[in-house]
């Protein structure tokens, strides 16, 4: 019988060199300093752990700075564009189908020119006829997404168009897109500028188009090319949805990345191939989201990497062709009644007026304005900020974000190491070394990325996917840092003990 008052013989094993290892040394990693149960030895172990963490993060900082130096090669831009396209693809299948604002688009395209024997630039009288026809349906307002700058129409035509536009505005608010000169001056026909200054129901909306585009034959303006400021959507939001506008103003959201919805309707009608008319993608909502998420690889041009078979059919907003408007009864176009109507061009020859979308391919850019307004109202102002906050340049913000990730991951890793060494009071054994390495290096980096994403989304209203390039690069480096620091740390400890 063994006397319980006597100390038990400590367990031992061969150390591979003719000696034995006993006690707590069984649990020490090979590159750890020799320890005992004393306080100084435990402090030495803590310092050793912190030194490894610090060494890993020094490597991570250097690698992050090297990645930031690659910014002029637009690698981050490509990653960010791919991430936004991926998010937009998946979001399109679950975009809210209820409580959406009534928004409609009227487009003038080749079919109008062909059916009504017209030519481009469209005569002002044709514009006036179409605008009057829209007004008969009693919409909330009409946003005219054409630039009226060409004085070649003649004084008489301009005067007649001005009178007819004023008559429409007596009953329906009218918004005119204008271009901006190099000094910020408004570029539009003087007669229309004077009309907007005197008529309470006509407003000029600067859409950011350069003067050169305005002077190039009067083509319709290029729509929002995310990310940018959609002043048309913000102006209409303030006029027709003041409650949402106040919420947006309080959250300081003026820069948005567009969510593209699936086409309106119940999506139950099948085409000749037996697929939903809303999409060429078969399957339910979850299946469509998975196919959209993994069925494309946009690298250079936004949205153009999506295979044709995966692109959504139709249009994201209720649409009417201007070719069908003349001479029709207003009740035939119920989608225009009490709707905010966007009136723009859909000409294939006007490449400058096309928007590359992630789920529809190329669309007339008037749809970007309409979809931006739909986003702001449907999502109740939960729009994405598409540019860095605090007035920072993109590269400066990426650097700030990278260092924030490093700080958070270092704090998390240090906390985990402290819990492992101090609270438990023992180092990990060789069987758990891989788990400890993952805990100290991989989990903190993943946790830091999630933490920064939440801060950006809820605090700064920045898209979590927008900066995925910087996150992915930083995290990818972090995955290898543990292995590198462990190998180099062993060599350092070997030299120190040798």
Protein backbone atom coordinates (compact mmCIF):
# COMPACT_ATOMS: atom_id res chain seq x y z
CA UNK A 1 0.00 0.00 0.00
CA UNK A 2 1.30 3.36 -1.00
CA UNK A 3 1.42 6.10 1.57
CA UNK A 4 -0.72 8.94 0.20
CA UNK A 5 1.44 11.42 2.08
CA UNK A 6 4.44 10.56 -0.06
CA UNK A 7 4.83 12.25 -3.45
CA UNK A 8 3.97 10.02 -6.39
CA UNK A 9 6.67 9.27 -8.94
CA UNK A 10 6.20 11.71 -11.83
CA UNK A 11 5.48 10.22 -15.25
CA UNK A 12 8.37 10.09 -17.66
CA UNK A 13 9.26 9.26 -21.27
CA UNK A 14 12.39 9.05 -23.37
CA UNK A 15 13.58 12.30 -24.88
CA UNK A 16 15.10 10.49 -27.88
CA UNK A 17 18.65 11.31 -26.77
CA UNK A 18 19.21 8.72 -24.06
CA UNK A 19 17.57 10.77 -21.32
CA UNK A 20 14.08 11.14 -19.93
CA UNK A 21 11.53 13.92 -19.74
CA UNK A 22 9.30 14.13 -16.69
CA UNK A 23 6.54 16.25 -15.23
CA UNK A 24 5.02 19.20 -16.99
CA UNK A 25 7.79 19.19 -19.62
CA UNK A 26 5.74 16.52 -21.37
CA UNK A 27 3.26 19.22 -22.31
CA UNK A 28 5.69 21.82 -23.63
CA UNK A 29 6.09 22.49 -27.35
CA UNK A 30 9.54 21.79 -28.75
CA UNK A 31 10.40 25.42 -29.34
CA UNK A 32 9.26 26.67 -25.93
CA UNK A 33 11.77 27.69 -23.29
CA UNK A 34 12.31 25.35 -20.39
CA UNK A 35 9.77 25.99 -17.67
CA UNK A 36 9.03 24.98 -14.14
CA UNK A 37 6.16 25.63 -11.82
CA UNK A 38 7.75 28.79 -10.50
CA UNK A 39 6.35 32.27 -11.15
CA UNK A 40 9.40 33.53 -13.11
CA UNK A 41 9.21 30.51 -15.43
CA UNK A 42 5.52 31.12 -16.06
CA UNK A 43 6.28 34.75 -16.82
CA UNK A 44 8.98 33.59 -19.23
CA UNK A 45 6.39 31.40 -20.98
CA UNK A 46 4.00 34.34 -21.28
CA UNK A 47 6.73 36.53 -22.74
CA UNK A 48 7.62 33.78 -25.18
CA UNK A 49 4.01 33.53 -26.35
CA UNK A 50 3.72 37.28 -26.75
CA UNK A 51 7.02 37.38 -28.63
CA UNK A 52 5.71 34.81 -31.11
CA UNK A 53 2.51 36.80 -31.59
CA UNK A 54 4.41 40.04 -32.04
CA UNK A 55 6.75 38.39 -34.53
CA UNK A 56 3.80 37.04 -36.51
CA UNK A 57 2.15 40.43 -36.69
CA UNK A 58 5.35 42.19 -37.72
CA UNK A 59 5.43 39.84 -40.69
CA UNK A 60 1.75 40.56 -41.31
CA UNK A 61 2.28 44.32 -41.23
CA UNK A 62 5.14 44.08 -43.72
CA UNK A 63 3.13 41.86 -46.03
CA UNK A 64 0.09 44.17 -45.80
CA UNK A 65 2.19 47.19 -46.72
CA UNK A 66 3.59 45.26 -49.67
CA UNK A 67 0.05 44.46 -50.80
CA UNK A 68 -0.97 48.09 -50.48
CA UNK A 69 1.97 49.00 -52.70
CA UNK A 70 0.31 46.92 -55.42
CA UNK A 71 -2.77 49.17 -55.35
CA UNK A 72 -1.81 51.07 -58.56
CA UNK A 73 -2.20 47.79 -60.44
CA UNK A 74 -5.93 47.78 -59.54
CA UNK A 75 -5.88 44.30 -58.06
CA UNK A 76 -8.05 45.42 -55.16
CA UNK A 77 -10.49 47.09 -57.54
CA UNK A 78 -10.96 43.82 -59.40
CA UNK A 79 -11.48 41.90 -56.17
CA UNK A 80 -13.91 44.53 -54.90
CA UNK A 81 -15.86 44.52 -58.16
CA UNK A 82 -16.11 40.75 -58.10
CA UNK A 83 -17.30 40.83 -54.48
CA UNK A 84 -19.97 43.43 -55.24
CA UNK A 85 -21.15 41.45 -58.25
CA UNK A 86 -21.33 38.31 -56.16
CA UNK A 87 -23.35 40.07 -53.46
CA UNK A 88 -25.65 41.63 -56.08
CA UNK A 89 -26.23 38.28 -57.79
CA UNK A 90 -27.21 36.53 -54.59
CA UNK A 91 -29.25 39.49 -53.36
CA UNK A 92 -31.28 39.72 -56.58
CA UNK A 93 -33.09 36.45 -55.87
CA UNK A 94 -34.20 37.63 -52.42
CA UNK A 95 -34.82 41.33 -53.08
CA UNK A 96 -38.06 42.38 -51.33
CA UNK A 97 -41.09 41.99 -53.57
CA UNK A 98 -43.46 43.93 -51.34
CA UNK A 99 -43.54 47.47 -49.97
CA UNK A 100 -41.59 48.71 -52.96
CA UNK A 101 -42.19 52.20 -54.37
CA UNK A 102 -44.10 52.47 -57.60
CA UNK A 103 -41.37 53.29 -60.10
CA UNK A 104 -41.61 52.97 -63.88
CA UNK A 105 -39.27 53.54 -66.81
CA UNK A 106 -40.24 54.82 -70.26
CA UNK A 107 -37.52 54.31 -72.86
CA UNK A 108 -37.02 55.67 -76.35
CA UNK A 109 -35.13 53.25 -78.57
CA UNK A 110 -34.68 52.06 -82.12
CA UNK A 111 -38.23 50.69 -82.16
CA UNK A 112 -39.62 54.20 -81.69
CA UNK A 113 -37.43 55.59 -84.48
CA UNK A 114 -38.48 52.76 -86.76
CA UNK A 115 -42.23 52.74 -86.00
CA UNK A 116 -42.69 56.51 -86.07
CA UNK A 117 -40.25 57.34 -88.86
CA UNK A 118 -38.15 59.48 -86.54
CA UNK A 119 -34.44 60.18 -86.37
CA UNK A 120 -31.95 60.96 -83.64
CA UNK A 121 -31.57 63.52 -82.12
CA UNK A 122 -35.28 63.32 -81.47
CA UNK A 123 -37.19 66.51 -82.35
CA UNK A 124 -38.38 68.50 -79.34
CA UNK A 125 -41.99 68.11 -80.45
CA UNK A 126 -41.65 64.31 -80.18
CA UNK A 127 -40.27 64.68 -76.65
CA UNK A 128 -43.20 66.96 -75.80
CA UNK A 129 -45.73 64.49 -77.24
CA UNK A 130 -44.33 61.63 -75.18
CA UNK A 131 -44.11 63.66 -71.97
CA UNK A 132 -47.72 64.83 -72.37
CA UNK A 133 -48.81 61.22 -72.97
CA UNK A 134 -47.08 60.13 -69.76
CA UNK A 135 -48.69 62.97 -67.82
CA UNK A 136 -52.16 61.76 -68.85
CA UNK A 137 -51.58 58.66 -66.73
CA UNK A 138 -51.20 60.95 -63.67
CA UNK A 139 -47.78 59.89 -62.36
CA UNK A 140 -46.29 61.31 -59.17
CA UNK A 141 -43.51 62.94 -61.12
CA UNK A 142 -41.44 62.66 -64.29
CA UNK A 143 -37.65 62.54 -64.31
CA UNK A 144 -36.42 63.41 -67.83
CA UNK A 145 -33.08 61.66 -68.32
CA UNK A 146 -32.15 63.51 -71.51
CA UNK A 147 -29.86 66.50 -71.91
CA UNK A 148 -31.42 69.43 -73.75
CA UNK A 149 -28.44 71.47 -74.90
CA UNK A 150 -28.64 71.49 -78.69
CA UNK A 151 -29.65 74.95 -79.93
CA UNK A 152 -29.96 73.63 -83.49
CA UNK A 153 -33.60 72.80 -82.77
CA UNK A 154 -34.43 76.40 -83.56
CA UNK A 155 -35.96 79.19 -81.44
CA UNK A 156 -39.55 78.38 -82.42
CA UNK A 157 -39.21 74.68 -81.51
CA UNK A 158 -37.52 75.52 -78.22
CA UNK A 159 -40.22 78.06 -77.31
CA UNK A 160 -43.00 75.58 -78.12
CA UNK A 161 -41.32 72.84 -76.09
CA UNK A 162 -40.90 75.22 -73.15
CA UNK A 163 -44.61 76.13 -73.19
CA UNK A 164 -45.75 72.52 -73.38
CA UNK A 165 -43.37 71.45 -70.61
CA UNK A 166 -44.69 74.24 -68.37
CA UNK A 167 -48.25 73.06 -69.01
CA UNK A 168 -47.35 69.51 -67.97
CA UNK A 169 -45.59 70.81 -64.85
CA UNK A 170 -48.74 72.66 -63.76
CA UNK A 171 -50.15 69.26 -62.76
CA UNK A 172 -47.11 66.96 -62.53
CA UNK A 173 -43.66 67.71 -61.06
CA UNK A 174 -40.98 67.61 -63.74
CA UNK A 175 -37.25 67.08 -63.21
CA UNK A 176 -34.72 67.89 -65.93
CA UNK A 177 -31.28 66.29 -66.06
CA UNK A 178 -28.48 68.79 -66.62
CA UNK A 179 -24.77 68.46 -67.27
CA UNK A 180 -22.05 70.29 -65.36
CA UNK A 181 -19.34 72.50 -66.78
CA UNK A 182 -15.74 72.58 -65.53
CA UNK A 183 -16.59 75.38 -63.08
CA UNK A 184 -19.78 73.74 -61.88
CA UNK A 185 -22.09 75.80 -64.08
CA UNK A 186 -25.33 74.21 -65.28
CA UNK A 187 -25.33 73.22 -68.95
CA UNK A 188 -28.83 73.34 -70.48
CA UNK A 189 -30.75 75.44 -72.95
CA UNK A 190 -31.14 78.96 -71.47
CA UNK A 191 -34.90 78.87 -72.06
CA UNK A 192 -35.26 75.74 -69.94
CA UNK A 193 -33.00 77.15 -67.21
CA UNK A 194 -35.18 80.26 -67.05
CA UNK A 195 -38.31 78.10 -66.93
CA UNK A 196 -36.93 76.11 -63.99
CA UNK A 197 -36.09 79.36 -62.18
CA UNK A 198 -39.66 80.63 -62.51
CA UNK A 199 -41.85 77.50 -62.39
CA UNK A 200 -42.33 75.99 -58.90
CA UNK A 201 -42.88 72.48 -60.25
CA UNK A 202 -39.78 72.19 -62.45
CA UNK A 203 -36.37 71.38 -61.00
CA UNK A 204 -32.96 70.92 -62.56
CA UNK A 205 -31.00 67.86 -61.41
CA UNK A 206 -27.26 67.73 -61.98
CA UNK A 207 -26.39 64.15 -62.81
CA UNK A 208 -22.65 64.64 -63.02
CA UNK A 209 -22.40 64.33 -66.80
CA UNK A 210 -19.46 66.30 -68.21
CA UNK A 211 -19.95 69.22 -70.54
CA UNK A 212 -18.31 67.25 -73.36
CA UNK A 213 -21.07 64.66 -73.23
CA UNK A 214 -23.72 67.36 -73.21
CA UNK A 215 -22.23 68.93 -76.32
CA UNK A 216 -21.99 65.61 -78.16
CA UNK A 217 -25.30 65.79 -79.97
CA UNK A 218 -27.53 65.89 -76.90
CA UNK A 219 -27.35 62.21 -76.01
CA UNK A 220 -29.07 61.12 -72.84
CA UNK A 221 -26.90 61.20 -69.76
CA UNK A 222 -24.79 58.31 -68.58
CA UNK A 223 -26.43 56.85 -65.52
CA UNK A 224 -24.88 55.99 -62.24
CA UNK A 225 -21.79 53.84 -62.61
CA UNK A 226 -21.40 52.40 -59.15
CA UNK A 227 -19.96 53.78 -57.06
CA UNK A 228 -21.02 57.36 -57.57
CA UNK A 229 -23.59 59.89 -56.39
CA UNK A 230 -27.07 59.40 -57.80
CA UNK A 231 -28.44 62.91 -57.40
CA UNK A 232 -31.56 62.09 -59.38
CA UNK A 233 -32.59 59.37 -56.93
CA UNK A 234 -31.77 61.54 -53.91
CA UNK A 235 -33.72 64.51 -55.31
CA UNK A 236 -36.82 62.41 -55.99
CA UNK A 237 -36.48 60.74 -52.60
CA UNK A 238 -36.62 64.11 -50.84
CA UNK A 239 -39.67 65.17 -52.83
CA UNK A 240 -41.84 62.05 -52.75
CA UNK A 241 -40.55 60.09 -49.74
CA UNK A 242 -39.60 62.70 -47.12
CA UNK A 243 -39.68 60.28 -44.18
CA UNK A 244 -37.14 57.98 -45.81
CA UNK A 245 -35.11 61.00 -46.90
CA UNK A 246 -34.84 62.16 -43.29
CA UNK A 247 -33.64 58.71 -42.24
CA UNK A 248 -31.06 58.72 -45.02
CA UNK A 249 -29.92 62.23 -44.05
CA UNK A 250 -29.57 61.23 -40.40
CA UNK A 251 -27.39 58.29 -41.39
CA UNK A 252 -25.39 60.45 -43.80
CA UNK A 253 -25.96 58.16 -46.78
CA UNK A 254 -25.47 59.78 -50.15
CA UNK A 255 -23.21 57.29 -51.88
CA UNK A 256 -24.82 54.00 -52.76
CA UNK A 257 -24.00 50.76 -54.46
CA UNK A 258 -27.06 49.48 -56.30
CA UNK A 259 -28.92 46.28 -55.45
CA UNK A 260 -30.45 44.92 -58.67
CA UNK A 261 -33.74 43.15 -58.09
CA UNK A 262 -35.32 40.37 -60.07
CA UNK A 263 -37.98 41.55 -62.55
CA UNK A 264 -41.35 42.56 -61.05
CA UNK A 265 -44.12 40.00 -61.11
CA UNK A 266 -44.82 36.63 -59.57
CA UNK A 267 -42.12 34.82 -61.59
CA UNK A 268 -44.45 31.84 -62.19
CA UNK A 269 -44.97 32.24 -65.94
CA UNK A 270 -42.81 29.82 -67.93
CA UNK A 271 -41.14 30.46 -71.26
CA UNK A 272 -40.77 28.04 -74.18
CA UNK A 273 -37.94 26.26 -72.38
CA UNK A 274 -40.03 25.77 -69.26
CA UNK A 275 -38.02 28.26 -67.24
CA UNK A 276 -39.29 31.21 -65.24
CA UNK A 277 -39.56 34.40 -67.26
CA UNK A 278 -37.89 36.21 -64.37
CA UNK A 279 -34.70 34.27 -64.82
CA UNK A 280 -32.93 31.78 -67.02
CA UNK A 281 -31.94 29.99 -63.83
CA UNK A 282 -34.11 27.06 -62.81
CA UNK A 283 -34.68 25.98 -59.24
CA UNK A 284 -35.98 27.64 -56.12
CA UNK A 285 -34.72 30.77 -54.45
CA UNK A 286 -31.91 28.99 -52.59
CA UNK A 287 -30.85 27.01 -55.64
CA UNK A 288 -30.79 30.13 -57.81
CA UNK A 289 -28.71 31.96 -55.21
CA UNK A 290 -26.16 29.13 -55.11
CA UNK A 291 -25.93 29.00 -58.91
CA UNK A 292 -25.54 32.75 -59.11
CA UNK A 293 -22.90 32.73 -56.39
CA UNK A 294 -20.69 30.12 -58.02
CA UNK A 295 -21.53 30.39 -61.71
CA UNK A 296 -19.51 33.44 -62.70
CA UNK A 297 -16.10 35.01 -62.46
CA UNK A 298 -16.20 38.77 -63.13
CA UNK A 299 -12.63 40.05 -63.25
CA UNK A 300 -12.37 43.12 -65.46
CA UNK A 301 -15.78 44.44 -66.54
CA UNK A 302 -18.53 44.49 -63.87
CA UNK A 303 -21.29 42.06 -64.70
CA UNK A 304 -19.82 40.91 -67.99
CA UNK A 305 -18.28 37.81 -66.47
CA UNK A 306 -21.73 36.35 -65.76
CA UNK A 307 -22.53 33.65 -68.34
CA UNK A 308 -25.49 34.42 -70.58
CA UNK A 309 -27.47 31.46 -69.25
CA UNK A 310 -27.26 32.89 -65.72
CA UNK A 311 -28.38 36.43 -66.53
CA UNK A 312 -31.82 37.56 -65.47
CA UNK A 313 -34.39 38.10 -68.19
CA UNK A 314 -36.53 41.22 -68.53
CA UNK A 315 -35.97 44.44 -66.59
CA UNK A 316 -35.75 45.16 -62.85
CA UNK A 317 -38.35 47.97 -63.05
CA UNK A 318 -41.77 48.14 -64.71
CA UNK A 319 -41.02 49.33 -68.24
CA UNK A 320 -42.91 50.89 -71.14
CA UNK A 321 -41.55 51.44 -74.63
CA UNK A 322 -42.14 54.94 -75.96
CA UNK A 323 -43.09 53.31 -79.27
CA UNK A 324 -46.32 52.10 -77.64
CA UNK A 325 -47.35 55.41 -76.07
CA UNK A 326 -48.63 57.73 -78.84
CA UNK A 327 -52.38 57.66 -79.33
CA UNK A 328 -53.10 55.17 -76.55
CA UNK A 329 -55.62 55.60 -73.75
CA UNK A 330 -54.00 56.45 -70.40
CA UNK A 331 -55.63 53.49 -68.65
CA UNK A 332 -53.66 51.11 -70.86
CA UNK A 333 -50.52 52.06 -68.98
CA UNK A 334 -51.64 51.57 -65.40
CA UNK A 335 -48.03 51.05 -64.35
CA UNK A 336 -47.45 54.79 -64.89
CA UNK A 337 -50.33 55.91 -62.68
CA UNK A 338 -49.14 57.32 -59.34
CA UNK A 339 -45.59 56.21 -60.18
CA UNK A 340 -42.30 58.07 -60.30
CA UNK A 341 -41.55 57.85 -64.02
CA UNK A 342 -38.02 57.92 -65.43
CA UNK A 343 -37.88 58.89 -69.10
CA UNK A 344 -34.65 58.03 -70.90
CA UNK A 345 -32.95 56.51 -73.91
CA UNK A 346 -32.32 52.87 -74.80
CA UNK A 347 -30.27 53.16 -77.96
CA UNK A 348 -27.82 50.40 -78.79
CA UNK A 349 -25.61 52.85 -80.67
CA UNK A 350 -25.16 55.06 -77.59
CA UNK A 351 -22.56 53.00 -75.73
CA UNK A 352 -21.94 55.87 -73.31
CA UNK A 353 -25.47 55.49 -71.97
CA UNK A 354 -25.19 51.83 -70.99
CA UNK A 355 -24.79 50.45 -67.49
CA UNK A 356 -22.91 47.21 -66.85
CA UNK A 357 -25.04 45.40 -64.28
CA UNK A 358 -24.05 42.24 -62.41
CA UNK A 359 -27.21 40.26 -63.19
CA UNK A 360 -28.72 41.70 -66.39
CA UNK A 361 -25.59 42.43 -68.41
CA UNK A 362 -25.79 45.80 -70.18
CA UNK A 363 -28.85 47.96 -69.44
CA UNK A 364 -29.83 51.51 -70.42
CA UNK A 365 -28.48 53.68 -67.64
CA UNK A 366 -31.88 55.19 -66.89
CA UNK A 367 -32.56 51.95 -65.01
CA UNK A 368 -29.69 52.73 -62.65
CA UNK A 369 -31.42 55.95 -61.51
CA UNK A 370 -34.72 54.11 -61.09
CA UNK A 371 -33.16 51.21 -59.22
CA UNK A 372 -31.25 53.58 -56.92
CA UNK A 373 -34.53 55.22 -55.89
CA UNK A 374 -36.12 51.79 -55.42
CA UNK A 375 -33.21 50.75 -53.18
CA UNK A 376 -33.46 53.84 -51.00
CA UNK A 377 -37.20 53.40 -50.41
CA UNK A 378 -37.47 49.60 -50.28
CA UNK A 379 -34.50 49.17 -47.99
CA UNK A 380 -35.54 52.21 -45.92
CA UNK A 381 -32.25 53.97 -46.41
CA UNK A 382 -30.12 50.91 -45.69
CA UNK A 383 -27.96 51.73 -48.68
CA UNK A 384 -24.31 50.94 -49.04
CA UNK A 385 -21.77 53.69 -48.88
CA UNK A 386 -19.63 53.09 -51.92
CA UNK A 387 -16.72 55.37 -51.09
CA UNK A 388 -14.49 55.63 -48.01
CA UNK A 389 -15.73 57.67 -45.03
CA UNK A 390 -13.98 60.55 -43.32
CA UNK A 391 -13.00 62.07 -46.67
CA UNK A 392 -10.19 59.55 -47.12
CA UNK A 393 -8.85 58.38 -50.44
CA UNK A 394 -9.43 54.65 -51.14
CA UNK A 395 -5.78 53.71 -50.64
CA UNK A 396 -5.57 55.63 -47.36
CA UNK A 397 -8.72 53.94 -46.09
CA UNK A 398 -7.42 50.51 -47.07
CA UNK A 399 -4.29 51.21 -45.05
CA UNK A 400 -6.41 52.30 -42.07
CA UNK A 401 -8.54 49.21 -42.42
CA UNK A 402 -5.54 46.89 -42.69
CA UNK A 403 -4.04 48.29 -39.50
CA UNK A 404 -7.43 48.02 -37.77
CA UNK A 405 -7.56 44.36 -38.73
CA UNK A 406 -4.04 43.86 -37.43
CA UNK A 407 -4.83 45.59 -34.14
CA UNK A 408 -8.02 43.62 -33.52
CA UNK A 409 -6.43 40.30 -34.50
CA UNK A 410 -3.40 40.98 -32.27
CA UNK A 411 -5.64 41.80 -29.31
CA UNK A 412 -7.75 38.70 -29.88
CA UNK A 413 -4.69 36.48 -30.30
CA UNK A 414 -3.04 37.96 -27.20
CA UNK A 415 -6.21 37.38 -25.21
CA UNK A 416 -6.43 33.76 -26.34
CA UNK A 417 -2.76 33.20 -25.51
CA UNK A 418 -3.26 34.75 -22.06
CA UNK A 419 -6.24 32.48 -21.40
CA UNK A 420 -4.28 29.46 -22.56
CA UNK A 421 -1.10 30.11 -20.54
CA UNK A 422 -2.19 32.06 -17.47
CA UNK A 423 -5.66 30.79 -16.68
CA UNK A 424 -4.96 27.15 -17.47
CA UNK A 425 -1.47 27.45 -16.02
CA UNK A 426 0.09 25.04 -18.48
CA UNK A 427 1.29 25.09 -22.07
CA UNK A 428 -0.35 22.91 -24.69
CA UNK A 429 1.06 19.48 -25.38
CA UNK A 430 2.33 18.40 -28.77
CA UNK A 431 -0.96 16.71 -29.60
CA UNK A 432 -2.83 20.01 -29.27
CA UNK A 433 -0.16 22.21 -30.80
CA UNK A 434 -1.94 22.44 -34.17
CA UNK A 435 -5.20 23.45 -32.48
CA UNK A 436 -3.36 26.08 -30.45
CA UNK A 437 -1.68 27.39 -33.59
CA UNK A 438 -5.07 27.76 -35.30
CA UNK A 439 -6.48 29.42 -32.19
CA UNK A 440 -3.60 31.89 -31.98
CA UNK A 441 -3.34 32.79 -35.66
CA UNK A 442 -6.37 31.83 -37.78
CA UNK A 443 -9.32 32.45 -35.49
CA UNK A 444 -8.19 35.96 -34.42
CA UNK A 445 -7.78 37.01 -38.04
CA UNK A 446 -11.23 35.66 -38.99
CA UNK A 447 -12.76 37.25 -35.90
CA UNK A 448 -11.10 40.58 -36.67
CA UNK A 449 -12.46 40.53 -40.23
CA UNK A 450 -15.99 39.86 -38.99
CA UNK A 451 -15.65 42.56 -36.32
CA UNK A 452 -14.43 45.17 -38.81
CA UNK A 453 -17.19 44.18 -41.24
CA UNK A 454 -19.85 44.69 -38.58
CA UNK A 455 -18.42 48.07 -37.59
CA UNK A 456 -18.34 49.19 -41.22
CA UNK A 457 -21.85 47.93 -41.94
CA UNK A 458 -23.68 49.18 -38.84
CA UNK A 459 -21.47 52.12 -37.92
CA UNK A 460 -20.25 53.53 -41.22
CA UNK A 461 -22.78 51.91 -43.61
CA UNK A 462 -20.03 50.57 -45.83
CA UNK A 463 -20.62 47.43 -47.85
CA UNK A 464 -18.84 44.50 -46.17
CA UNK A 465 -18.02 43.19 -49.61
CA UNK A 466 -16.65 46.41 -50.97
CA UNK A 467 -13.29 46.08 -49.24
CA UNK A 468 -13.07 42.31 -49.55
CA UNK A 469 -9.89 42.69 -51.56
CA UNK A 470 -8.01 44.17 -48.63
CA UNK A 471 -9.55 41.68 -46.21
CA UNK A 472 -8.81 38.66 -48.37
CA UNK A 473 -5.22 39.69 -48.95
CA UNK A 474 -4.65 40.42 -45.26
CA UNK A 475 -6.31 37.17 -44.17
CA UNK A 476 -4.41 35.14 -46.76
CA UNK A 477 -1.16 36.45 -45.36
CA UNK A 478 -2.39 35.71 -41.85
CA UNK A 479 -3.01 32.06 -42.74
CA UNK A 480 0.66 31.56 -43.49
CA UNK A 481 2.01 33.74 -40.71
CA UNK A 482 1.50 31.13 -38.00
CA UNK A 483 3.45 28.51 -39.90
CA UNK A 484 6.24 30.96 -40.84
CA UNK A 485 6.59 32.39 -37.34
CA UNK A 486 6.57 28.93 -35.82
CA UNK A 487 9.38 27.71 -38.07
CA UNK A 488 11.44 30.88 -37.69
CA UNK A 489 10.66 31.02 -33.98
CA UNK A 490 12.09 27.55 -33.51
CA UNK A 491 15.30 28.59 -35.25
CA UNK A 492 15.51 31.72 -33.10
CA UNK A 493 14.95 29.77 -29.90
CA UNK A 494 17.49 27.18 -31.04
CA UNK A 495 20.15 29.82 -31.56
CA UNK A 496 19.30 31.44 -28.21
CA UNK A 497 19.58 28.16 -26.30
CA UNK A 498 22.57 26.96 -28.34
